């Protein structure tokens, strides 16, 4: 069974959903997972103001209630001049995929989410992303230096591959993140859109014949 997840590391509902995806893969060890980076706010240039912060804190509270995952609210509120551009972190996941295609990309994806939502790191900074990404890959048994990661992250080909992911998500008519698909009959069947508990995912897959 091949699952396809369209998601963005700086989407709070995707953060909550990451735990459910890991549980699903534990229950379905035969399943493979492809992650398509969504580019939720790729290329954004507006600075996150107080209204934007409060809007996100409202969503964070809902995700925290649904998933039980922690959020660093103080870290968000303390940010000054922060541009909520999700292209750099999406590109970092792509860089990890290029560098170590055999690695568990969901765990790398979740490491970047933790860096943003819990550690309150600047996940628009390539140097920060390289440290997080290389550490995640190394922890997973794929030794990678921050320098190697940063070099890959900066490449034009990596930028282009991330843009291709964004275009693919749009072509799949993904209107919200996360959206999960399963490959069926040479096409993709939608398992669900938005946050869902692992039990609900199991029910949806069973209804689709898996």
Foldseek 3Di string as FASTA:
>chain_A
DEKEKEAFLPPLLVLLQLVQVVVLCVVVVVYHYHYQYAFPQAPFDDFQDPVNLVVVVVVNVVSCVVRVDAFDSVLSVPDDRAGPHRLLLLLLLLLLCVLCVPFPSSQLSNLLSCCCGPVSDRSNDLLVSLVSNQVSCVVRVRHDHSVRSSVSSPDPVSSVVSVVSNVVCVVVVQPAPTWMWDDDPNRTDTQDHTHDHNVSSVVSVVVVPD
